[in-house]
PDB file of N, CA and C in Angstrom:
ATOM      1  N   UNK A   1       8.782  13.489  -1.389  1.00  0.00           N
ATOM      2  CA  UNK A   1       8.601  12.883  -0.126  1.00  0.00           C
ATOM      3  C   UNK A   1       7.179  12.051   0.073  1.00  0.00           C
ATOM      4  N   UNK A   2       7.147  11.150   0.621  1.00  0.00           N
ATOM      5  CA  UNK A   2       5.820  10.496   0.654  1.00  0.00           C
ATOM      6  C   UNK A   2       5.027  10.915   1.661  1.00  0.00           C
ATOM      7  N   UNK A   3       3.730  11.042   1.808  1.00  0.00           N
ATOM      8  CA  UNK A   3       2.845  11.660   2.823  1.00  0.00           C
ATOM      9  C   UNK A   3       2.622  10.402   3.800  1.00  0.00           C
ATOM     10  N   UNK A   4       3.285   9.368   3.843  1.00  0.00           N
ATOM     11  CA  UNK A   4       2.924   8.105   4.605  1.00  0.00           C
ATOM     12  C   UNK A   4       3.988   7.438   5.096  1.00  0.00           C
ATOM     13  N   UNK A   5       4.081   6.897   6.230  1.00  0.00           N
ATOM     14  CA  UNK A   5       5.451   6.176   6.795  1.00  0.00           C
ATOM     15  C   UNK A   5       4.782   4.910   7.200  1.00  0.00           C
ATOM     16  N   UNK A   6       5.460   3.696   6.526  1.00  0.00           N
ATOM     17  CA  UNK A   6       4.870   2.512   6.868  1.00  0.00           C
ATOM     18  C   UNK A   6       6.041   1.577   7.358  1.00  0.00           C
ATOM     19  N   UNK A   7       5.877   1.058   8.691  1.00  0.00           N
ATOM     20  CA  UNK A   7       6.924   0.162   9.055  1.00  0.00           C
ATOM     21  C   UNK A   7       6.822  -1.275   8.565  1.00  0.00           C
ATOM     22  N   UNK A   8       7.873  -2.100   8.397  1.00  0.00           N
ATOM     23  CA  UNK A   8       7.843  -3.055   7.987  1.00  0.00           C
ATOM     24  C   UNK A   8       6.647  -4.063   8.589  1.00  0.00           C
ATOM     25  N   UNK A   9       6.794  -4.181   9.777  1.00  0.00           N
ATOM     26  CA  UNK A   9       5.584  -5.065  10.297  1.00  0.00           C
ATOM     27  C   UNK A   9       4.222  -4.515  10.219  1.00  0.00           C
ATOM     28  N   UNK A  10       4.091  -3.311   9.825  1.00  0.00           N
ATOM     29  CA  UNK A  10       2.730  -2.634   9.550  1.00  0.00           C
ATOM     30  C   UNK A  10       2.349  -2.985   8.005  1.00  0.00           C
ATOM     31  N   UNK A  11       3.626  -2.873   7.010  1.00  0.00           N
ATOM     32  CA  UNK A  11       3.224  -3.472   5.980  1.00  0.00           C
ATOM     33  C   UNK A  11       2.753  -4.902   5.754  1.00  0.00           C
ATOM     34  N   UNK A  12       3.451  -5.636   6.414  1.00  0.00           N
ATOM     35  CA  UNK A  12       2.950  -7.042   6.434  1.00  0.00           C
ATOM     36  C   UNK A  12       1.557  -7.485   6.506  1.00  0.00           C
ATOM     37  N   UNK A  13       0.891  -6.710   7.131  1.00  0.00           N
ATOM     38  CA  UNK A  13      -0.384  -6.817   7.909  1.00  0.00           C
ATOM     39  C   UNK A  13      -1.219  -6.115   6.721  1.00  0.00           C
ATOM     40  N   UNK A  14      -0.832  -4.790   6.266  1.00  0.00           N
ATOM     41  CA  UNK A  14      -1.519  -3.921   5.139  1.00  0.00           C
ATOM     42  C   UNK A  14      -1.441  -4.461   4.013  1.00  0.00           C
ATOM     43  N   UNK A  15      -0.309  -5.360   3.400  1.00  0.00           N
ATOM     44  CA  UNK A  15      -0.311  -5.945   2.108  1.00  0.00           C
ATOM     45  C   UNK A  15      -1.217  -6.987   1.844  1.00  0.00           C
ATOM     46  N   UNK A  16      -1.625  -7.635   2.911  1.00  0.00           N
ATOM     47  CA  UNK A  16      -2.610  -8.784   2.726  1.00  0.00           C
ATOM     48  C   UNK A  16      -4.015  -8.263   2.428  1.00  0.00           C
ATOM     49  N   UNK A  17      -4.214  -6.797   3.058  1.00  0.00           N
ATOM     50  CA  UNK A  17      -5.303  -6.129   2.637  1.00  0.00           C
ATOM     51  C   UNK A  17      -5.555  -5.592   1.266  1.00  0.00           C
ATOM     52  N   UNK A  18      -4.452  -5.302   0.850  1.00  0.00           N
ATOM     53  CA  UNK A  18      -4.158  -4.495  -0.403  1.00  0.00           C
ATOM     54  C   UNK A  18      -4.351  -5.691  -1.622  1.00  0.00           C
ATOM     55  N   UNK A  19      -3.845  -6.914  -1.229  1.00  0.00           N
ATOM     56  CA  UNK A  19      -3.667  -7.805  -2.334  1.00  0.00           C
ATOM     57  C   UNK A  19      -4.882  -8.422  -2.321  1.00  0.00           C
ATOM     58  N   UNK A  20      -5.828  -8.600  -1.258  1.00  0.00           N
ATOM     59  CA  UNK A  20      -7.040  -9.034  -1.202  1.00  0.00           C
ATOM     60  C   UNK A  20      -7.936  -8.100  -2.062  1.00  0.00           C
ATOM     61  N   UNK A  21      -7.880  -6.920  -1.837  1.00  0.00           N
ATOM     62  CA  UNK A  21      -8.717  -5.858  -2.890  1.00  0.00           C
ATOM     63  C   UNK A  21      -8.462  -5.891  -4.103  1.00  0.00           C
ATOM     64  N   UNK A  22      -6.988  -5.702  -4.365  1.00  0.00           N
ATOM     65  CA  UNK A  22      -6.551  -5.994  -5.731  1.00  0.00           C
ATOM     66  C   UNK A  22      -5.735  -7.358  -5.803  1.00  0.00           C
ATOM     67  N   UNK A  23      -6.311  -8.178  -6.170  1.00  0.00           N
ATOM     68  CA  UNK A  23      -5.827  -9.520  -6.602  1.00  0.00           C
ATOM     69  C   UNK A  23      -4.849  -9.540  -7.689  1.00  0.00           C
ATOM     70  N   UNK A  24      -4.850  -8.707  -8.635  1.00  0.00           N
ATOM     71  CA  UNK A  24      -3.997  -8.925  -9.789  1.00  0.00           C
ATOM     72  C   UNK A  24      -2.607  -8.243  -9.463  1.00  0.00           C
ATOM     73  N   UNK A  25      -2.511  -7.919  -8.341  1.00  0.00           N
ATOM     74  CA  UNK A  25      -0.980  -7.465  -7.988  1.00  0.00           C
ATOM     75  C   UNK A  25      -0.313  -8.711  -7.562  1.00  0.00           C
ATOM     76  N   UNK A  26       1.141  -8.626  -7.923  1.00  0.00           N
ATOM     77  CA  UNK A  26       2.231  -9.724  -7.825  1.00  0.00           C
ATOM     78  C   UNK A  26       2.680  -9.423  -6.431  1.00  0.00           C
ATOM     79  N   UNK A  27       3.769 -10.453  -5.930  1.00  0.00           N
ATOM     80  CA  UNK A  27       4.405 -10.254  -4.687  1.00  0.00           C
ATOM     81  C   UNK A  27       5.549  -8.925  -5.364  1.00  0.00           C
ATOM     82  N   UNK A  28       5.984  -9.078  -6.325  1.00  0.00           N
ATOM     83  CA  UNK A  28       6.953  -7.906  -6.777  1.00  0.00           C
ATOM     84  C   UNK A  28       6.144  -6.626  -6.744  1.00  0.00           C
ATOM     85  N   UNK A  29       4.806  -6.312  -7.275  1.00  0.00           N
ATOM     86  CA  UNK A  29       4.406  -5.201  -7.302  1.00  0.00           C
ATOM     87  C   UNK A  29       4.562  -4.688  -5.534  1.00  0.00           C
ATOM     88  N   UNK A  30       3.933  -5.502  -4.824  1.00  0.00           N
ATOM     89  CA  UNK A  30       4.050  -5.219  -3.273  1.00  0.00           C
ATOM     90  C   UNK A  30       5.253  -5.299  -2.475  1.00  0.00           C
ATOM     91  N   UNK A  31       6.360  -5.388  -3.154  1.00  0.00           N
ATOM     92  CA  UNK A  31       7.635  -5.663  -2.484  1.00  0.00           C
ATOM     93  C   UNK A  31       8.053  -4.035  -1.633  1.00  0.00           C
ATOM     94  N   UNK A  32       8.265  -4.216  -0.800  1.00  0.00           N
ATOM     95  CA  UNK A  32       8.277  -3.038   0.329  1.00  0.00           C
ATOM     96  C   UNK A  32       9.667  -2.926   1.297  1.00  0.00           C
ATOM     97  N   UNK A  33      10.341  -2.120   1.604  1.00  0.00           N
ATOM     98  CA  UNK A  33      11.232  -2.032   2.656  1.00  0.00           C
ATOM     99  C   UNK A  33      10.948  -0.538   3.379  1.00  0.00           C
ATOM    100  N   UNK A  34      11.048  -0.952   4.705  1.00  0.00           N
ATOM    101  CA  UNK A  34      10.758   0.609   5.406  1.00  0.00           C
ATOM    102  C   UNK A  34      11.647   1.777   4.730  1.00  0.00           C
ATOM    103  N   UNK A  35      11.115   2.820   4.603  1.00  0.00           N
ATOM    104  CA  UNK A  35      11.864   4.183   4.081  1.00  0.00           C
ATOM    105  C   UNK A  35      11.396   4.173   2.425  1.00  0.00           C
ATOM    106  N   UNK A  36      10.714   3.071   1.891  1.00  0.00           N
ATOM    107  CA  UNK A  36      10.653   2.897   0.389  1.00  0.00           C
ATOM    108  C   UNK A  36       9.463   3.350   0.118  1.00  0.00           C
ATOM    109  N   UNK A  37       8.621   4.157   0.773  1.00  0.00           N
ATOM    110  CA  UNK A  37       7.149   4.624   0.509  1.00  0.00           C
ATOM    111  C   UNK A  37       6.854   5.068  -1.139  1.00  0.00           C
ATOM    112  N   UNK A  38       7.851   5.983  -1.310  1.00  0.00           N
ATOM    113  CA  UNK A  38       7.766   6.777  -2.643  1.00  0.00           C
ATOM    114  C   UNK A  38       7.833   5.511  -3.556  1.00  0.00           C
ATOM    115  N   UNK A  39       8.639   4.722  -3.772  1.00  0.00           N
ATOM    116  CA  UNK A  39       8.720   3.700  -4.657  1.00  0.00           C
ATOM    117  C   UNK A  39       7.523   2.796  -4.611  1.00  0.00           C
ATOM    118  N   UNK A  40       6.897   2.515  -3.663  1.00  0.00           N
ATOM    119  CA  UNK A  40       5.676   1.780  -3.468  1.00  0.00           C
ATOM    120  C   UNK A  40       4.432   2.734  -4.011  1.00  0.00           C
ATOM    121  N   UNK A  41       4.494   3.801  -3.594  1.00  0.00           N
ATOM    122  CA  UNK A  41       3.414   4.788  -3.996  1.00  0.00           C
ATOM    123  C   UNK A  41       3.627   4.777  -5.725  1.00  0.00           C
ATOM    124  N   UNK A  42       4.354   4.904  -6.307  1.00  0.00           N
ATOM    125  CA  UNK A  42       4.808   5.088  -7.755  1.00  0.00           C
ATOM    126  C   UNK A  42       4.389   3.838  -8.289  1.00  0.00           C
ATOM    127  N   UNK A  43       4.669   2.692  -7.842  1.00  0.00           N
ATOM    128  CA  UNK A  43       4.506   1.449  -8.620  1.00  0.00           C
ATOM    129  C   UNK A  43       3.213   1.213  -8.555  1.00  0.00           C
ATOM    130  N   UNK A  44       2.412   1.362  -7.164  1.00  0.00           N
ATOM    131  CA  UNK A  44       0.807   1.080  -7.395  1.00  0.00           C
ATOM    132  C   UNK A  44       0.161   2.183  -8.277  1.00  0.00           C
ATOM    133  N   UNK A  45       0.698   3.215  -8.434  1.00  0.00           N
ATOM    134  CA  UNK A  45      -0.183   4.114  -9.368  1.00  0.00           C
ATOM    135  C   UNK A  45       0.194   3.798 -10.646  1.00  0.00           C
ATOM    136  N   UNK A  46       1.058   3.068 -11.186  1.00  0.00           N
ATOM    137  CA  UNK A  46       1.587   2.346 -12.377  1.00  0.00           C
ATOM    138  C   UNK A  46       0.406   1.149 -12.655  1.00  0.00           C
ATOM    139  N   UNK A  47       0.257   0.398 -11.665  1.00  0.00           N
ATOM    140  CA  UNK A  47      -0.200  -0.986 -11.841  1.00  0.00           C
ATOM    141  C   UNK A  47      -1.651  -0.739 -11.848  1.00  0.00           C
ATOM    142  N   UNK A  48      -2.201  -0.093 -10.774  1.00  0.00           N
ATOM    143  CA  UNK A  48      -3.443   0.228 -10.791  1.00  0.00           C
ATOM    144  C   UNK A  48      -4.157   1.313 -11.569  1.00  0.00           C
ATOM    145  N   UNK A  49      -3.256   1.840 -12.260  1.00  0.00           N
ATOM    146  CA  UNK A  49      -4.029   3.189 -13.069  1.00  0.00           C
ATOM    147  C   UNK A  49      -4.619   4.003 -12.303  1.00  0.00           C
ATOM    148  N   UNK A  50      -4.270   4.557 -11.195  1.00  0.00           N
ATOM    149  CA  UNK A  50      -5.117   5.451 -10.552  1.00  0.00           C
ATOM    150  C   UNK A  50      -3.979   6.444  -9.761  1.00  0.00           C
ATOM    151  N   UNK A  51      -4.517   7.803  -9.665  1.00  0.00           N
ATOM    152  CA  UNK A  51      -3.678   8.905  -9.123  1.00  0.00           C
ATOM    153  C   UNK A  51      -2.933   8.507  -8.061  1.00  0.00           C
ATOM    154  N   UNK A  52      -2.256   9.576  -7.457  1.00  0.00           N
ATOM    155  CA  UNK A  52      -1.391   9.283  -6.296  1.00  0.00           C
ATOM    156  C   UNK A  52      -2.217   9.926  -5.247  1.00  0.00           C
ATOM    157  N   UNK A  53      -3.122  10.467  -5.124  1.00  0.00           N
ATOM    158  CA  UNK A  53      -4.143  10.984  -3.997  1.00  0.00           C
ATOM    159  C   UNK A  53      -4.820   9.896  -3.720  1.00  0.00           C
ATOM    160  N   UNK A  54      -5.470   8.623  -4.699  1.00  0.00           N
ATOM    161  CA  UNK A  54      -6.193   7.506  -4.423  1.00  0.00           C
ATOM    162  C   UNK A  54      -5.238   6.367  -3.706  1.00  0.00           C
ATOM    163  N   UNK A  55      -3.804   6.568  -4.237  1.00  0.00           N
ATOM    164  CA  UNK A  55      -3.311   5.706  -3.572  1.00  0.00           C
ATOM    165  C   UNK A  55      -2.739   5.824  -2.198  1.00  0.00           C
ATOM    166  N   UNK A  56      -2.563   7.048  -1.768  1.00  0.00           N
ATOM    167  CA  UNK A  56      -1.982   7.349  -0.619  1.00  0.00           C
ATOM    168  C   UNK A  56      -3.375   7.199   0.276  1.00  0.00           C
ATOM    169  N   UNK A  57      -4.455   7.506  -0.190  1.00  0.00           N
ATOM    170  CA  UNK A  57      -5.829   7.558   0.579  1.00  0.00           C
ATOM    171  C   UNK A  57      -5.992   6.203   1.126  1.00  0.00           C
ATOM    172  N   UNK A  58      -5.647   5.278   0.203  1.00  0.00           N
ATOM    173  CA  UNK A  58      -6.111   3.867   0.190  1.00  0.00           C
ATOM    174  C   UNK A  58      -5.163   3.337   1.204  1.00  0.00           C
ATOM    175  N   UNK A  59      -3.857   3.425   1.178  1.00  0.00           N
ATOM    176  CA  UNK A  59      -2.893   3.087   2.099  1.00  0.00           C
ATOM    177  C   UNK A  59      -2.958   3.705   3.523  1.00  0.00           C
ATOM    178  N   UNK A  60      -3.428   5.083   3.671  1.00  0.00           N
ATOM    179  CA  UNK A  60      -3.902   5.611   5.009  1.00  0.00           C
ATOM    180  C   UNK A  60      -4.878   5.041   5.686  1.00  0.00           C
ATOM    181  N   UNK A  61      -5.890   4.709   4.796  1.00  0.00           N
ATOM    182  CA  UNK A  61      -7.207   4.203   5.499  1.00  0.00           C
ATOM    183  C   UNK A  61      -6.742   2.886   5.777  1.00  0.00           C
ATOM    184  N   UNK A  62      -6.139   1.920   5.150  1.00  0.00           N
ATOM    185  CA  UNK A  62      -5.557   0.792   5.822  1.00  0.00           C
ATOM    186  C   UNK A  62      -4.936   0.801   7.051  1.00  0.00           C
ATOM    187  N   UNK A  63      -3.888   1.746   7.111  1.00  0.00           N
ATOM    188  CA  UNK A  63      -3.192   1.758   8.070  1.00  0.00           C
ATOM    189  C   UNK A  63      -4.156   2.323   9.552  1.00  0.00           C
ATOM    190  N   UNK A  64      -5.350   3.038   9.166  1.00  0.00           N
ATOM    191  CA  UNK A  64      -6.260   3.471  10.150  1.00  0.00           C
ATOM    192  C   UNK A  64      -6.904   2.185  10.899  1.00  0.00           C
ATOM    193  N   UNK A  65      -7.125   1.074  10.195  1.00  0.00           N
ATOM    194  CA  UNK A  65      -8.055   0.095  10.053  1.00  0.00           C
ATOM    195  C   UNK A  65      -7.125  -1.181  10.230  1.00  0.00           C
ATOM    196  N   UNK A  66      -5.843  -1.072  10.707  1.00  0.00           N
ATOM    197  CA  UNK A  66      -5.025  -2.018  10.587  1.00  0.00           C
ATOM    198  C   UNK A  66      -5.545  -3.538  11.167  1.00  0.00           C
ATOM    199  N   UNK A  67      -6.396  -3.375  12.023  1.00  0.00           N
ATOM    200  CA  UNK A  67      -6.458  -4.715  13.115  1.00  0.00           C
ATOM    201  C   UNK A  67      -8.139  -5.093  12.446  1.00  0.00           C
ATOM    202  N   UNK A  68      -8.709  -4.433  11.416  1.00  0.00           N
ATOM    203  CA  UNK A  68      -9.833  -5.037  10.824  1.00  0.00           C
ATOM    204  C   UNK A  68      -9.560  -5.407   9.321  1.00  0.00           C
ATOM    205  N   UNK A  69     -10.649  -6.044   8.685  1.00  0.00           N
ATOM    206  CA  UNK A  69     -10.374  -6.365   7.326  1.00  0.00           C
ATOM    207  C   UNK A  69     -10.873  -4.853   6.245  1.00  0.00           C
ATOM    208  N   UNK A  70     -10.882  -3.948   6.890  1.00  0.00           N
ATOM    209  CA  UNK A  70     -11.625  -3.130   6.324  1.00  0.00           C
ATOM    210  C   UNK A  70     -10.180  -2.128   5.263  1.00  0.00           C
ATOM    211  N   UNK A  71     -10.328  -1.682   4.024  1.00  0.00           N
ATOM    212  CA  UNK A  71      -9.609  -1.223   3.397  1.00  0.00           C
ATOM    213  C   UNK A  71     -10.022  -0.035   2.550  1.00  0.00           C
TER     214      UNK A  71
END
């Protein structure tokens, strides 16, 4: 079970921040539908070569600061 819940509208904004920080990620890497947090986390772990805790922390941090450029 994913430690984070992301709505489709929040993901649209968060995806821009993630893509800006990790510009090597493709649209396919960032594909997401609400309820598929686990698949997103797993895909990002593989592509970014980071552990689960880092990915979840990064996504949560981005969600906290959704209205800013901070990630």
